[in-house]
PDB file of N, CA and C in Angstrom:
ATOM      1  N   MET A   1     -80.567  -9.153 -22.884  1.00  0.00           N
ATOM      2  CA  MET A   1     -80.672  -7.689 -23.012  1.00  0.00           C
ATOM      3  C   MET A   1     -79.759  -7.178 -21.920  1.00  0.00           C
ATOM      4  N   LEU A   2     -78.863  -6.196 -22.306  1.00  0.00           N
ATOM      5  CA  LEU A   2     -78.045  -5.440 -21.394  1.00  0.00           C
ATOM      6  C   LEU A   2     -78.598  -4.273 -20.707  1.00  0.00           C
ATOM      7  N   LYS A   3     -78.717  -4.352 -19.380  1.00  0.00           N
ATOM      8  CA  LYS A   3     -79.433  -3.284 -18.585  1.00  0.00           C
ATOM      9  C   LYS A   3     -78.473  -2.236 -18.235  1.00  0.00           C
ATOM     10  N   ILE A   4     -78.724  -0.975 -18.519  1.00  0.00           N
ATOM     11  CA  ILE A   4     -77.746   0.071 -18.490  1.00  0.00           C
ATOM     12  C   ILE A   4     -78.397   1.069 -17.489  1.00  0.00           C
ATOM     13  N   LEU A   5     -77.542   1.543 -16.486  1.00  0.00           N
ATOM     14  CA  LEU A   5     -77.852   2.693 -15.570  1.00  0.00           C
ATOM     15  C   LEU A   5     -77.125   3.937 -16.171  1.00  0.00           C
ATOM     16  N   ILE A   6     -78.032   5.084 -16.271  1.00  0.00           N
ATOM     17  CA  ILE A   6     -77.258   6.221 -16.634  1.00  0.00           C
ATOM     18  C   ILE A   6     -77.266   7.262 -15.404  1.00  0.00           C
ATOM     19  N   VAL A   7     -76.029   7.695 -15.050  1.00  0.00           N
ATOM     20  CA  VAL A   7     -75.883   8.670 -13.939  1.00  0.00           C
ATOM     21  C   VAL A   7     -75.307   9.860 -14.531  1.00  0.00           C
ATOM     22  N   GLU A   8     -76.301  10.902 -14.746  1.00  0.00           N
ATOM     23  CA  GLU A   8     -76.063  12.173 -15.423  1.00  0.00           C
ATOM     24  C   GLU A   8     -76.984  13.137 -14.795  1.00  0.00           C
ATOM     25  N   ASP A   9     -76.495  14.336 -14.348  1.00  0.00           N
ATOM     26  CA  ASP A   9     -77.335  15.265 -13.755  1.00  0.00           C
ATOM     27  C   ASP A   9     -77.892  16.324 -14.756  1.00  0.00           C
ATOM     28  N   ASP A  10     -77.540  16.284 -15.924  1.00  0.00           N
ATOM     29  CA  ASP A  10     -78.035  17.121 -17.060  1.00  0.00           C
ATOM     30  C   ASP A  10     -79.194  16.377 -17.776  1.00  0.00           C
ATOM     31  N   ALA A  11     -80.362  16.663 -17.374  1.00  0.00           N
ATOM     32  CA  ALA A  11     -81.590  15.952 -17.823  1.00  0.00           C
ATOM     33  C   ALA A  11     -81.695  15.839 -19.366  1.00  0.00           C
ATOM     34  N   GLN A  12     -81.278  16.902 -20.118  1.00  0.00           N
ATOM     35  CA  GLN A  12     -81.332  16.856 -21.588  1.00  0.00           C
ATOM     36  C   GLN A  12     -80.376  16.027 -22.030  1.00  0.00           C
ATOM     37  N   LEU A  13     -79.194  15.970 -21.507  1.00  0.00           N
ATOM     38  CA  LEU A  13     -78.158  14.961 -22.020  1.00  0.00           C
ATOM     39  C   LEU A  13     -78.491  13.554 -21.649  1.00  0.00           C
ATOM     40  N   ALA A  14     -78.991  13.363 -20.498  1.00  0.00           N
ATOM     41  CA  ALA A  14     -79.420  11.947 -20.000  1.00  0.00           C
ATOM     42  C   ALA A  14     -80.408  11.363 -20.983  1.00  0.00           C
ATOM     43  N   THR A  15     -81.509  12.246 -21.371  1.00  0.00           N
ATOM     44  CA  THR A  15     -82.553  11.752 -22.341  1.00  0.00           C
ATOM     45  C   THR A  15     -81.839  11.476 -23.660  1.00  0.00           C
ATOM     46  N   THR A  16     -80.898  12.254 -24.150  1.00  0.00           N
ATOM     47  CA  THR A  16     -80.334  12.129 -25.467  1.00  0.00           C
ATOM     48  C   THR A  16     -79.503  10.734 -25.403  1.00  0.00           C
ATOM     49  N   LEU A  17     -78.715  10.609 -24.210  1.00  0.00           N
ATOM     50  CA  LEU A  17     -77.996   9.372 -24.070  1.00  0.00           C
ATOM     51  C   LEU A  17     -78.889   8.159 -24.064  1.00  0.00           C
ATOM     52  N   LYS A  18     -80.020   8.182 -23.416  1.00  0.00           N
ATOM     53  CA  LYS A  18     -80.896   7.084 -23.318  1.00  0.00           C
ATOM     54  C   LYS A  18     -81.414   6.857 -24.691  1.00  0.00           C
ATOM     55  N   TYR A  19     -81.692   7.809 -25.473  1.00  0.00           N
ATOM     56  CA  TYR A  19     -82.122   7.576 -26.835  1.00  0.00           C
ATOM     57  C   TYR A  19     -81.173   6.752 -27.765  1.00  0.00           C
ATOM     58  N   LEU A  20     -79.864   7.267 -27.661  1.00  0.00           N
ATOM     59  CA  LEU A  20     -78.834   6.730 -28.335  1.00  0.00           C
ATOM     60  C   LEU A  20     -78.505   5.258 -27.921  1.00  0.00           C
ATOM     61  N   VAL A  21     -78.576   5.032 -26.770  1.00  0.00           N
ATOM     62  CA  VAL A  21     -78.238   3.746 -26.142  1.00  0.00           C
ATOM     63  C   VAL A  21     -79.349   2.701 -26.646  1.00  0.00           C
ATOM     64  N   GLU A  22     -80.635   3.093 -26.435  1.00  0.00           N
ATOM     65  CA  GLU A  22     -81.713   2.215 -26.713  1.00  0.00           C
ATOM     66  C   GLU A  22     -82.009   2.191 -28.307  1.00  0.00           C
ATOM     67  N   ASP A  23     -81.232   2.836 -29.151  1.00  0.00           N
ATOM     68  CA  ASP A  23     -81.276   2.647 -30.551  1.00  0.00           C
ATOM     69  C   ASP A  23     -80.854   1.293 -30.886  1.00  0.00           C
ATOM     70  N   ASN A  24     -80.073   0.700 -30.040  1.00  0.00           N
ATOM     71  CA  ASN A  24     -79.698  -0.758 -30.256  1.00  0.00           C
ATOM     72  C   ASN A  24     -80.736  -1.625 -29.411  1.00  0.00           C
ATOM     73  N   PRO A  25     -81.389  -2.416 -30.066  1.00  0.00           N
ATOM     74  CA  PRO A  25     -82.467  -3.246 -29.235  1.00  0.00           C
ATOM     75  C   PRO A  25     -81.900  -4.148 -28.223  1.00  0.00           C
ATOM     76  N   ARG A  26     -80.570  -4.400 -28.198  1.00  0.00           N
ATOM     77  CA  ARG A  26     -80.074  -5.314 -27.296  1.00  0.00           C
ATOM     78  C   ARG A  26     -79.804  -4.548 -25.889  1.00  0.00           C
ATOM     79  N   TYR A  27     -79.891  -3.147 -25.863  1.00  0.00           N
ATOM     80  CA  TYR A  27     -79.697  -2.434 -24.733  1.00  0.00           C
ATOM     81  C   TYR A  27     -80.920  -1.803 -24.122  1.00  0.00           C
ATOM     82  N   ARG A  28     -81.116  -1.756 -22.786  1.00  0.00           N
ATOM     83  CA  ARG A  28     -82.142  -1.062 -22.224  1.00  0.00           C
ATOM     84  C   ARG A  28     -81.687  -0.235 -21.075  1.00  0.00           C
ATOM     85  N   VAL A  29     -82.080   0.871 -21.059  1.00  0.00           N
ATOM     86  CA  VAL A  29     -81.786   1.776 -19.847  1.00  0.00           C
ATOM     87  C   VAL A  29     -82.882   1.483 -18.821  1.00  0.00           C
ATOM     88  N   VAL A  30     -82.290   0.960 -17.682  1.00  0.00           N
ATOM     89  CA  VAL A  30     -83.353   0.733 -16.550  1.00  0.00           C
ATOM     90  C   VAL A  30     -83.558   1.983 -15.725  1.00  0.00           C
ATOM     91  N   ALA A  31     -82.624   2.825 -15.494  1.00  0.00           N
ATOM     92  CA  ALA A  31     -82.772   3.977 -14.661  1.00  0.00           C
ATOM     93  C   ALA A  31     -81.887   5.211 -15.139  1.00  0.00           C
ATOM     94  N   ARG A  32     -82.362   6.342 -14.808  1.00  0.00           N
ATOM     95  CA  ARG A  32     -81.622   7.570 -14.966  1.00  0.00           C
ATOM     96  C   ARG A  32     -81.485   8.198 -13.679  1.00  0.00           C
ATOM     97  N   VAL A  33     -80.415   8.443 -13.041  1.00  0.00           N
ATOM     98  CA  VAL A  33     -80.208   9.174 -11.844  1.00  0.00           C
ATOM     99  C   VAL A  33     -79.184  10.281 -11.891  1.00  0.00           C
ATOM    100  N   ASP A  34     -79.191  11.126 -10.888  1.00  0.00           N
ATOM    101  CA  ASP A  34     -78.348  12.306 -10.982  1.00  0.00           C
ATOM    102  C   ASP A  34     -77.320  12.446 -10.022  1.00  0.00           C
ATOM    103  N   ASP A  35     -77.177  11.536  -8.973  1.00  0.00           N
ATOM    104  CA  ASP A  35     -76.162  11.683  -7.936  1.00  0.00           C
ATOM    105  C   ASP A  35     -75.876  10.218  -7.495  1.00  0.00           C
ATOM    106  N   LEU A  36     -74.926  10.165  -6.494  1.00  0.00           N
ATOM    107  CA  LEU A  36     -74.327   8.931  -5.764  1.00  0.00           C
ATOM    108  C   LEU A  36     -75.614   8.189  -5.118  1.00  0.00           C
ATOM    109  N   ASP A  37     -76.444   8.811  -4.259  1.00  0.00           N
ATOM    110  CA  ASP A  37     -77.393   8.133  -3.531  1.00  0.00           C
ATOM    111  C   ASP A  37     -78.484   7.415  -4.587  1.00  0.00           C
ATOM    112  N   GLY A  38     -78.795   8.182  -5.684  1.00  0.00           N
ATOM    113  CA  GLY A  38     -79.662   7.568  -6.645  1.00  0.00           C
ATOM    114  C   GLY A  38     -79.131   6.538  -7.407  1.00  0.00           C
ATOM    115  N   ALA A  39     -77.683   6.553  -7.574  1.00  0.00           N
ATOM    116  CA  ALA A  39     -77.010   5.450  -8.341  1.00  0.00           C
ATOM    117  C   ALA A  39     -76.940   4.034  -7.370  1.00  0.00           C
ATOM    118  N   VAL A  40     -76.914   4.409  -6.205  1.00  0.00           N
ATOM    119  CA  VAL A  40     -76.791   3.185  -5.275  1.00  0.00           C
ATOM    120  C   VAL A  40     -78.192   2.566  -5.122  1.00  0.00           C
ATOM    121  N   ASP A  41     -79.192   3.348  -5.009  1.00  0.00           N
ATOM    122  CA  ASP A  41     -80.622   2.936  -4.893  1.00  0.00           C
ATOM    123  C   ASP A  41     -80.977   2.122  -6.255  1.00  0.00           C
ATOM    124  N   ALA A  42     -80.596   2.695  -7.399  1.00  0.00           N
ATOM    125  CA  ALA A  42     -80.836   2.127  -8.632  1.00  0.00           C
ATOM    126  C   ALA A  42     -80.156   0.788  -8.827  1.00  0.00           C
ATOM    127  N   ALA A  43     -78.866   0.628  -8.373  1.00  0.00           N
ATOM    128  CA  ALA A  43     -78.055  -0.612  -8.374  1.00  0.00           C
ATOM    129  C   ALA A  43     -78.779  -1.607  -7.538  1.00  0.00           C
ATOM    130  N   ARG A  44     -79.266  -1.210  -6.422  1.00  0.00           N
ATOM    131  CA  ARG A  44     -80.074  -2.319  -5.632  1.00  0.00           C
ATOM    132  C   ARG A  44     -81.311  -2.677  -6.309  1.00  0.00           C
ATOM    133  N   GLN A  45     -82.044  -1.687  -6.749  1.00  0.00           N
ATOM    134  CA  GLN A  45     -83.340  -2.020  -7.334  1.00  0.00           C
ATOM    135  C   GLN A  45     -83.370  -2.734  -8.800  1.00  0.00           C
ATOM    136  N   TYR A  46     -82.402  -2.343  -9.687  1.00  0.00           N
ATOM    137  CA  TYR A  46     -82.410  -2.903 -11.056  1.00  0.00           C
ATOM    138  C   TYR A  46     -81.287  -3.802 -11.271  1.00  0.00           C
ATOM    139  N   ASN A  47     -80.235  -3.850 -10.539  1.00  0.00           N
ATOM    140  CA  ASN A  47     -79.135  -4.710 -10.822  1.00  0.00           C
ATOM    141  C   ASN A  47     -78.705  -4.570 -12.307  1.00  0.00           C
ATOM    142  N   PRO A  48     -78.209  -3.258 -12.703  1.00  0.00           N
ATOM    143  CA  PRO A  48     -77.671  -3.089 -14.022  1.00  0.00           C
ATOM    144  C   PRO A  48     -76.510  -3.857 -14.358  1.00  0.00           C
ATOM    145  N   ASP A  49     -76.236  -4.019 -15.681  1.00  0.00           N
ATOM    146  CA  ASP A  49     -75.001  -4.694 -16.082  1.00  0.00           C
ATOM    147  C   ASP A  49     -73.819  -3.718 -16.323  1.00  0.00           C
ATOM    148  N   LEU A  50     -74.151  -2.472 -16.437  1.00  0.00           N
ATOM    149  CA  LEU A  50     -73.341  -1.495 -16.827  1.00  0.00           C
ATOM    150  C   LEU A  50     -73.788  -0.102 -16.439  1.00  0.00           C
ATOM    151  N   ALA A  51     -72.957   0.811 -16.147  1.00  0.00           N
ATOM    152  CA  ALA A  51     -73.252   2.154 -15.742  1.00  0.00           C
ATOM    153  C   ALA A  51     -72.615   3.145 -16.397  1.00  0.00           C
ATOM    154  N   LEU A  52     -73.257   4.155 -17.056  1.00  0.00           N
ATOM    155  CA  LEU A  52     -72.583   5.271 -17.881  1.00  0.00           C
ATOM    156  C   LEU A  52     -72.693   6.382 -16.845  1.00  0.00           C
ATOM    157  N   VAL A  53     -71.548   6.967 -16.529  1.00  0.00           N
ATOM    158  CA  VAL A  53     -71.418   7.871 -15.511  1.00  0.00           C
ATOM    159  C   VAL A  53     -70.718   9.253 -15.800  1.00  0.00           C
ATOM    160  N   ASP A  54     -71.238  10.270 -15.590  1.00  0.00           N
ATOM    161  CA  ASP A  54     -70.809  11.561 -15.762  1.00  0.00           C
ATOM    162  C   ASP A  54     -69.710  11.804 -14.703  1.00  0.00           C
ATOM    163  N   LEU A  55     -68.775  12.713 -14.776  1.00  0.00           N
ATOM    164  CA  LEU A  55     -67.861  12.970 -13.810  1.00  0.00           C
ATOM    165  C   LEU A  55     -68.258  13.961 -12.735  1.00  0.00           C
ATOM    166  N   GLN A  56     -69.050  15.106 -13.144  1.00  0.00           N
ATOM    167  CA  GLN A  56     -69.571  16.072 -12.149  1.00  0.00           C
ATOM    168  C   GLN A  56     -71.040  15.939 -12.075  1.00  0.00           C
ATOM    169  N   LEU A  57     -71.563  15.539 -10.749  1.00  0.00           N
ATOM    170  CA  LEU A  57     -72.942  15.197 -10.634  1.00  0.00           C
ATOM    171  C   LEU A  57     -73.586  16.163  -9.608  1.00  0.00           C
ATOM    172  N   ALA A  58     -74.860  16.036  -9.496  1.00  0.00           N
ATOM    173  CA  ALA A  58     -75.590  16.873  -8.638  1.00  0.00           C
ATOM    174  C   ALA A  58     -75.280  16.497  -7.038  1.00  0.00           C
ATOM    175  N   ARG A  59     -75.525  17.484  -6.290  1.00  0.00           N
ATOM    176  CA  ARG A  59     -75.386  17.475  -4.772  1.00  0.00           C
ATOM    177  C   ARG A  59     -74.043  17.039  -4.351  1.00  0.00           C
ATOM    178  N   GLY A  60     -72.960  17.599  -5.213  1.00  0.00           N
ATOM    179  CA  GLY A  60     -71.629  17.320  -4.743  1.00  0.00           C
ATOM    180  C   GLY A  60     -71.031  16.004  -4.966  1.00  0.00           C
ATOM    181  N   SER A  61     -71.876  15.095  -5.658  1.00  0.00           N
ATOM    182  CA  SER A  61     -71.250  13.723  -6.100  1.00  0.00           C
ATOM    183  C   SER A  61     -70.389  13.904  -7.323  1.00  0.00           C
ATOM    184  N   THR A  62     -69.480  12.952  -7.309  1.00  0.00           N
ATOM    185  CA  THR A  62     -68.573  12.883  -8.466  1.00  0.00           C
ATOM    186  C   THR A  62     -68.795  11.460  -9.141  1.00  0.00           C
ATOM    187  N   GLY A  63     -68.339  11.389 -10.364  1.00  0.00           N
ATOM    188  CA  GLY A  63     -68.424  10.046 -11.132  1.00  0.00           C
ATOM    189  C   GLY A  63     -67.472   9.072 -10.379  1.00  0.00           C
ATOM    190  N   PHE A  64     -66.442   9.614  -9.892  1.00  0.00           N
ATOM    191  CA  PHE A  64     -65.430   8.659  -9.279  1.00  0.00           C
ATOM    192  C   PHE A  64     -66.131   8.006  -7.996  1.00  0.00           C
ATOM    193  N   SER A  65     -66.756   8.675  -7.122  1.00  0.00           N
ATOM    194  CA  SER A  65     -67.322   8.191  -5.972  1.00  0.00           C
ATOM    195  C   SER A  65     -68.405   7.234  -6.331  1.00  0.00           C
ATOM    196  N   VAL A  66     -69.050   7.527  -7.512  1.00  0.00           N
ATOM    197  CA  VAL A  66     -70.245   6.576  -7.927  1.00  0.00           C
ATOM    198  C   VAL A  66     -69.580   5.301  -8.466  1.00  0.00           C
ATOM    199  N   ALA A  67     -68.427   5.412  -9.214  1.00  0.00           N
ATOM    200  CA  ALA A  67     -67.760   4.241  -9.706  1.00  0.00           C
ATOM    201  C   ALA A  67     -67.277   3.337  -8.574  1.00  0.00           C
ATOM    202  N   VAL A  68     -66.813   3.962  -7.504  1.00  0.00           N
ATOM    203  CA  VAL A  68     -66.219   3.063  -6.282  1.00  0.00           C
ATOM    204  C   VAL A  68     -67.442   2.421  -5.768  1.00  0.00           C
ATOM    205  N   ARG A  69     -68.558   3.160  -5.442  1.00  0.00           N
ATOM    206  CA  ARG A  69     -69.692   2.409  -4.811  1.00  0.00           C
ATOM    207  C   ARG A  69     -70.391   1.444  -5.692  1.00  0.00           C
ATOM    208  N   LEU A  70     -70.457   1.719  -7.073  1.00  0.00           N
ATOM    209  CA  LEU A  70     -71.014   0.757  -7.935  1.00  0.00           C
ATOM    210  C   LEU A  70     -70.126  -0.580  -7.998  1.00  0.00           C
ATOM    211  N   GLY A  71     -68.862  -0.361  -7.864  1.00  0.00           N
ATOM    212  CA  GLY A  71     -67.902  -1.444  -7.842  1.00  0.00           C
ATOM    213  C   GLY A  71     -68.171  -2.496  -6.717  1.00  0.00           C
ATOM    214  N   ASP A  72     -68.789  -1.963  -5.554  1.00  0.00           N
ATOM    215  CA  ASP A  72     -69.325  -2.888  -4.501  1.00  0.00           C
ATOM    216  C   ASP A  72     -70.397  -3.865  -5.157  1.00  0.00           C
ATOM    217  N   PHE A  73     -71.008  -3.367  -6.024  1.00  0.00           N
ATOM    218  CA  PHE A  73     -72.078  -4.322  -6.664  1.00  0.00           C
ATOM    219  C   PHE A  73     -71.596  -5.019  -7.934  1.00  0.00           C
ATOM    220  N   ASP A  74     -70.348  -4.891  -8.201  1.00  0.00           N
ATOM    221  CA  ASP A  74     -69.814  -5.472  -9.369  1.00  0.00           C
ATOM    222  C   ASP A  74     -70.365  -4.983 -10.675  1.00  0.00           C
ATOM    223  N   ILE A  75     -70.548  -3.624 -10.738  1.00  0.00           N
ATOM    224  CA  ILE A  75     -71.288  -3.054 -11.904  1.00  0.00           C
ATOM    225  C   ILE A  75     -70.125  -2.119 -12.613  1.00  0.00           C
ATOM    226  N   PRO A  76     -69.752  -2.462 -13.722  1.00  0.00           N
ATOM    227  CA  PRO A  76     -68.662  -1.729 -14.369  1.00  0.00           C
ATOM    228  C   PRO A  76     -69.137  -0.387 -14.865  1.00  0.00           C
ATOM    229  N   CYS A  77     -68.281   0.664 -14.805  1.00  0.00           N
ATOM    230  CA  CYS A  77     -68.650   1.967 -15.186  1.00  0.00           C
ATOM    231  C   CYS A  77     -67.803   2.349 -16.343  1.00  0.00           C
TER     232      CYS A  77
END
């Protein structure tokens, strides 16, 4: 099963994306977070295989900074 992390600050969009991803039984969303710190914490806790990342995030974070940090964990975005 592919473990997926969703990094999105719009709660409704994150919920919709989770629903769409988990429509495939081979995919499981392990966490939904809204900023860089949450993404790093989730990466440590859940060790996802893939992250779906928005570009503009909460608390001044960007998808680019998230992608760089998750790259340290070898998590593709």
